[in-house]
Amino acid sequence: MRATDLPIVVGVDGSEPSLRAVDWAADEAVLRGLSLRLVYASLWERYEGDALAHDLGKPSGQVRAHDVVTAAARRAHRRRGDLKVLTDSLPEEPEYALVRESRGAALLVTGTRGRGGMAEALLGSVSLTVAGHAHCPMVVVRGGHDNAVRPGGRIVVGVGAGAPVRFAFEEARLRGASVEAVRAWRFPAREATDHPLLAGAPAGLHERQAAQALDEALRGVAADVEVRRRVVEGHARTVLADASRDADLLIVGARRRPRHFGLQLGRVAHGVLHHSVCPVAVVPEQVG
């Protein structure tokens, strides 16, 4: 299947944050001319079973799964009546299911939190785990945003590797948006380095090096997108979280190392996923 035929996959669980993610993904799917695939994954029935569900007066896991994806599909159709929507419920751990789904997705979308109490912490953990392993770009829709994918606007990208930059310009072209490309740098006094060429170097040198890295990353990008370059002193995760305050989308990278099975997210992506004001796209990039 061609990449342009792949669906946008949304992880849903019946919570309001996941339904806000459906809103965002429905807009994005129409913008890209793609279908929407809504996936609910849970081991609830496996752990508690139909008999216990009956004793507690609760619906079975299967019934609940049907209700969750049906409600999400109704929400998507209300948002975008012309959208093709597919649904599926999977009896497995959500992080494993969503990472697998990312292999056949153009984009993976989740909300930030789940249904009250411990479920909120669990879904937060699931979103972070999936962001650290997804094979396609993943968007986490922050709860404080209005969830609209609107024409125009401003897209912020943290510039390090090439994949996030390419994704930012593709998204900006679809929306007719501008791109703000940001490269953070640190004062020498705040660094821990024993490199003889860097120790004691003036702050201006570090700023120029950051500007050169930014120019290099943007070399050859399409001229049909308005670009603003910013070189800012500070921790990258703090600089980007601040830049998200009036942005429509914040894009960061996450390096994927072959044969490494731990969380591959990075401090910058981890930080902005917790503190960004707008939706965050995490774009994987293979290294090594």
Protein backbone atom coordinates (compact mmCIF):
# COMPACT_ATOMS: atom_id res chain seq x y z
CA MET A 1 0.00 0.00 0.00
CA ARG A 2 1.30 3.44 -0.90
CA ALA A 3 1.97 5.90 1.94
CA THR A 4 -0.68 8.21 0.47
CA ASP A 5 -3.29 5.42 0.88
CA LEU A 6 -2.57 4.73 4.55
CA PRO A 7 -5.15 5.87 7.12
CA ILE A 8 -4.77 8.19 10.07
CA VAL A 9 -5.09 5.97 13.15
CA VAL A 10 -6.56 7.29 16.40
CA GLY A 11 -6.30 5.50 19.74
CA VAL A 12 -9.63 5.93 21.55
CA ASP A 13 -10.84 4.86 24.99
CA GLY A 14 -14.13 6.72 25.47
CA SER A 15 -12.55 9.61 27.40
CA GLU A 16 -13.06 13.25 26.43
CA PRO A 17 -9.33 13.74 25.65
CA SER A 18 -9.45 10.83 23.20
CA LEU A 19 -12.57 12.27 21.57
CA ARG A 20 -10.81 15.61 21.19
CA ALA A 21 -8.05 13.65 19.46
CA VAL A 22 -10.74 12.27 17.11
CA ASP A 23 -11.79 15.85 16.29
CA TRP A 24 -8.23 16.83 15.43
CA ALA A 25 -7.59 13.68 13.41
CA ALA A 26 -10.84 14.04 11.45
CA ASP A 27 -9.81 17.53 10.33
CA GLU A 28 -6.34 16.28 9.45
CA ALA A 29 -7.68 13.30 7.50
CA VAL A 30 -9.87 15.54 5.34
CA LEU A 31 -6.93 17.88 4.79
CA ARG A 32 -4.80 14.97 3.59
CA GLY A 33 -7.59 13.15 1.72
CA LEU A 34 -7.17 10.04 3.91
CA SER A 35 -9.50 7.72 5.80
CA LEU A 36 -9.72 7.59 9.59
CA ARG A 37 -9.19 4.38 11.56
CA LEU A 38 -10.41 4.41 15.18
CA VAL A 39 -8.84 1.75 17.41
CA TYR A 40 -9.80 0.75 20.95
CA ALA A 41 -7.42 -1.68 22.66
CA SER A 42 -7.95 -3.13 26.14
CA LEU A 43 -7.32 -6.26 28.20
CA TRP A 44 -10.21 -5.47 30.57
CA GLU A 45 -12.26 -8.52 29.63
CA ARG A 46 -9.27 -10.82 29.81
CA TYR A 47 -8.50 -9.72 33.37
CA GLU A 48 -12.00 -9.45 34.84
CA GLY A 49 -14.19 -11.60 32.60
CA ASP A 50 -17.89 -11.66 31.75
CA ALA A 51 -18.94 -13.32 35.01
CA LEU A 52 -17.47 -10.57 37.16
CA ALA A 53 -18.89 -7.96 34.80
CA HIS A 54 -22.35 -9.46 35.33
CA ASP A 55 -21.91 -9.51 39.11
CA LEU A 56 -20.92 -5.85 39.09
CA GLY A 57 -23.77 -4.88 36.78
CA LYS A 58 -21.30 -3.66 34.14
CA PRO A 59 -21.22 -4.39 30.40
CA SER A 60 -18.70 -6.92 29.15
CA GLY A 61 -15.44 -5.77 27.62
CA GLN A 62 -16.71 -6.58 24.15
CA VAL A 63 -19.87 -4.54 24.58
CA ARG A 64 -17.90 -1.67 26.02
CA ALA A 65 -15.41 -1.78 23.15
CA HIS A 66 -18.26 -1.58 20.64
CA ASP A 67 -19.72 1.39 22.48
CA VAL A 68 -16.37 3.20 22.57
CA VAL A 69 -15.59 2.91 18.88
CA THR A 70 -19.21 3.60 17.85
CA ALA A 71 -19.28 6.81 19.90
CA ALA A 72 -15.93 7.87 18.43
CA ALA A 73 -17.15 7.18 14.89
CA ARG A 74 -20.28 9.28 15.50
CA ARG A 75 -18.09 12.09 16.76
CA ALA A 76 -15.89 11.92 13.65
CA HIS A 77 -18.90 11.96 11.31
CA ARG A 78 -20.42 14.93 13.14
CA ARG A 79 -17.13 16.72 12.72
CA ARG A 80 -16.63 15.76 9.07
CA GLY A 81 -19.62 14.21 7.35
CA ASP A 82 -17.68 13.29 4.18
CA LEU A 83 -14.99 11.33 6.02
CA LYS A 84 -14.45 7.59 5.57
CA VAL A 85 -14.25 6.08 9.08
CA LEU A 86 -13.18 2.54 10.00
CA THR A 87 -13.29 1.08 13.51
CA ASP A 88 -11.66 -1.82 15.32
CA SER A 89 -11.43 -3.13 18.90
CA LEU A 90 -8.45 -5.22 19.94
CA PRO A 91 -8.17 -7.42 23.08
CA GLU A 92 -4.57 -6.48 23.92
CA GLU A 93 -2.45 -3.91 25.69
CA PRO A 94 -3.00 -0.50 24.08
CA GLU A 95 0.68 0.42 23.79
CA TYR A 96 1.48 -2.77 21.86
CA ALA A 97 -1.59 -2.46 19.67
CA LEU A 98 -0.93 1.18 18.76
CA VAL A 99 2.76 0.66 18.02
CA ARG A 100 1.80 -2.19 15.69
CA GLU A 101 -0.92 -0.04 14.10
CA SER A 102 1.69 2.66 13.43
CA ARG A 103 3.38 0.37 10.88
CA GLY A 104 0.36 0.78 8.59
CA ALA A 105 -0.55 4.40 9.35
CA ALA A 106 0.23 7.71 7.74
CA LEU A 107 -0.15 9.32 11.16
CA LEU A 108 -0.98 8.08 14.66
CA VAL A 109 -3.04 10.33 16.98
CA THR A 110 -3.84 10.07 20.69
CA GLY A 111 -5.11 12.27 23.47
CA THR A 112 -3.11 12.99 26.60
CA ARG A 113 -5.12 11.31 29.35
CA GLY A 114 -7.81 8.71 29.94
CA ARG A 115 -10.83 8.23 32.20
CA GLY A 116 -10.32 9.53 35.80
CA GLY A 117 -8.12 8.24 38.57
CA MET A 118 -5.48 5.66 37.75
CA ALA A 119 -6.75 5.42 34.18
CA GLU A 120 -5.54 8.98 33.59
CA ALA A 121 -2.01 8.10 34.64
CA LEU A 122 -2.16 4.88 32.61
CA LEU A 123 -3.13 6.57 29.37
CA GLY A 124 -0.51 9.24 29.91
CA SER A 125 2.02 6.43 30.21
CA VAL A 126 0.61 4.73 27.11
CA SER A 127 0.93 7.91 25.04
CA LEU A 128 4.55 8.37 26.10
CA THR A 129 5.38 4.72 25.43
CA VAL A 130 3.81 4.78 21.98
CA ALA A 131 5.52 8.08 21.13
CA GLY A 132 8.84 6.43 22.00
CA HIS A 133 8.29 3.47 19.66
CA ALA A 134 5.88 4.48 16.87
CA HIS A 135 7.02 3.80 13.32
CA CYS A 136 5.16 6.77 11.82
CA PRO A 137 4.75 10.38 12.97
CA MET A 138 2.56 10.58 16.06
CA VAL A 139 0.47 13.54 17.26
CA VAL A 140 -0.55 13.92 20.90
CA VAL A 141 -3.45 16.37 21.11
CA ARG A 142 -2.98 18.52 24.17
CA GLY A 143 -6.17 19.02 26.20
CA GLY A 144 -5.96 22.81 26.44
CA HIS A 145 -6.11 23.34 22.67
CA ASP A 146 -9.32 23.92 20.71
CA ASN A 147 -8.45 20.88 18.55
CA ALA A 148 -9.09 22.59 15.22
CA VAL A 149 -6.87 21.93 12.21
CA ARG A 150 -7.45 25.23 10.45
CA PRO A 151 -6.04 26.71 7.24
CA GLY A 152 -3.12 29.07 7.73
CA GLY A 153 -1.69 29.45 11.20
CA ARG A 154 1.79 28.80 12.56
CA ILE A 155 3.73 25.57 12.84
CA VAL A 156 6.78 25.41 15.12
CA VAL A 157 9.53 22.86 14.50
CA GLY A 158 12.47 22.13 16.75
CA VAL A 159 15.36 21.85 14.34
CA GLY A 160 17.81 19.05 14.89
CA ALA A 161 17.56 16.29 12.30
CA GLY A 162 15.92 16.40 8.89
CA ALA A 163 12.74 14.33 9.35
CA PRO A 164 10.88 16.83 11.60
CA VAL A 165 11.73 19.66 9.19
CA ARG A 166 10.38 17.75 6.20
CA PHE A 167 7.21 16.89 8.12
CA ALA A 168 6.78 20.55 9.17
CA PHE A 169 7.00 21.81 5.60
CA GLU A 170 4.65 19.14 4.27
CA GLU A 171 2.11 20.05 6.95
CA ALA A 172 2.54 23.79 6.35
CA ARG A 173 1.99 23.30 2.64
CA LEU A 174 -1.26 21.40 3.28
CA ARG A 175 -2.56 24.12 5.60
CA GLY A 176 -1.10 27.16 3.88
CA ALA A 177 0.65 27.85 7.20
CA SER A 178 3.95 29.47 8.04
CA VAL A 179 6.84 27.60 9.71
CA GLU A 180 8.83 28.86 12.66
CA ALA A 181 12.09 26.90 12.76
CA VAL A 182 13.70 27.03 16.20
CA ARG A 183 17.21 26.05 17.26
CA ALA A 184 18.12 26.32 20.95
CA TRP A 185 21.63 26.92 22.26
CA ARG A 186 23.27 27.24 25.70
CA PHE A 187 25.66 29.78 27.22
CA PRO A 188 29.18 28.30 27.63
CA ALA A 189 29.09 28.91 31.38
CA ARG A 190 26.12 26.55 31.63
CA GLU A 191 27.80 23.76 29.70
CA ALA A 192 29.88 20.90 31.03
CA THR A 193 32.64 20.41 28.46
CA ASP A 194 36.38 19.88 28.52
CA HIS A 195 36.83 20.27 24.78
CA PRO A 196 39.75 22.71 24.32
CA LEU A 197 38.09 24.52 21.42
CA LEU A 198 34.83 25.06 23.27
CA ALA A 199 35.96 25.70 26.83
CA GLY A 200 35.64 29.41 27.53
CA ALA A 201 34.32 30.19 24.04
CA PRO A 202 32.26 33.38 23.90
CA ALA A 203 28.49 33.07 23.86
CA GLY A 204 28.41 34.63 20.41
CA LEU A 205 30.30 31.69 18.96
CA HIS A 206 27.73 29.24 20.27
CA GLU A 207 24.91 31.37 18.94
CA ARG A 208 26.54 31.52 15.50
CA GLN A 209 27.06 27.77 15.52
CA ALA A 210 23.36 27.29 16.28
CA ALA A 211 22.43 29.69 13.47
CA GLN A 212 24.67 27.80 11.05
CA ALA A 213 23.12 24.48 12.07
CA LEU A 214 19.68 25.97 11.52
CA ASP A 215 20.61 27.29 8.07
CA GLU A 216 22.06 23.91 7.14
CA ALA A 217 18.90 22.08 8.21
CA LEU A 218 16.75 24.43 6.14
CA ARG A 219 18.93 24.39 3.05
CA GLY A 220 17.00 23.20 0.04
CA VAL A 221 13.52 23.43 1.59
CA ALA A 222 10.71 24.54 -0.69
CA ALA A 223 10.39 28.27 -1.24
CA ASP A 224 6.57 28.10 -1.28
CA VAL A 225 6.36 28.09 2.53
CA GLU A 226 6.94 31.19 4.64
CA VAL A 227 9.74 30.50 7.12
CA ARG A 228 10.85 32.36 10.22
CA ARG A 229 14.22 31.35 11.70
CA ARG A 230 14.78 31.68 15.46
CA VAL A 231 17.92 30.95 17.45
CA VAL A 232 17.13 31.04 21.18
CA GLU A 233 19.31 30.56 24.27
CA GLY A 234 17.96 28.00 26.72
CA HIS A 235 17.04 24.35 27.17
CA ALA A 236 15.42 23.12 23.95
CA ARG A 237 12.42 21.62 25.72
CA THR A 238 11.73 24.91 27.55
CA VAL A 239 12.26 27.05 24.45
CA LEU A 240 9.89 24.88 22.39
CA ALA A 241 7.22 24.67 25.09
CA ASP A 242 7.26 28.49 25.27
CA ALA A 243 6.99 28.70 21.46
CA SER A 244 3.91 26.44 21.54
CA ARG A 245 1.78 29.05 23.33
CA ASP A 246 0.45 30.62 20.15
CA ALA A 247 1.23 27.78 17.70
CA ASP A 248 -1.15 25.40 15.94
CA LEU A 249 1.29 22.48 15.97
CA LEU A 250 4.69 21.81 17.53
CA ILE A 251 6.96 19.28 15.81
CA VAL A 252 9.95 17.51 17.35
CA GLY A 253 12.07 14.52 16.40
CA ALA A 254 12.73 11.20 18.14
CA ARG A 255 15.73 9.14 17.11
CA ARG A 256 15.21 5.43 16.56
CA ARG A 257 18.26 3.19 16.94
CA PRO A 258 18.11 -0.30 15.40
CA ARG A 259 18.19 -3.19 17.88
CA HIS A 260 17.49 -0.81 20.77
CA PHE A 261 14.33 -1.88 22.57
CA GLY A 262 14.06 0.75 25.30
CA LEU A 263 12.08 3.99 25.14
CA GLN A 264 13.44 6.06 22.24
CA LEU A 265 11.90 9.43 22.88
CA GLY A 266 14.56 11.80 24.18
CA ARG A 267 14.42 14.54 26.80
CA VAL A 268 13.22 17.26 24.42
CA ALA A 269 10.25 15.29 23.07
CA HIS A 270 9.43 14.00 26.56
CA GLY A 271 9.46 17.54 27.94
CA VAL A 272 7.28 19.14 25.30
CA LEU A 273 4.75 16.28 25.43
CA HIS A 274 4.21 17.22 29.07
CA HIS A 275 4.29 21.00 28.76
CA SER A 276 3.25 22.08 25.26
CA VAL A 277 0.09 24.18 24.94
CA CYS A 278 -0.71 22.96 21.40
CA PRO A 279 -0.77 19.50 19.77
CA VAL A 280 2.70 17.91 19.49
CA ALA A 281 3.92 15.82 16.56
CA VAL A 282 6.77 13.41 17.31
CA VAL A 283 8.53 12.39 14.10
CA PRO A 284 10.77 9.28 14.22
CA GLU A 285 14.13 9.30 12.51
CA GLN A 286 16.35 6.25 12.07
CA VAL A 287 19.98 6.66 13.12
CA GLY A 288 22.94 4.32 13.36
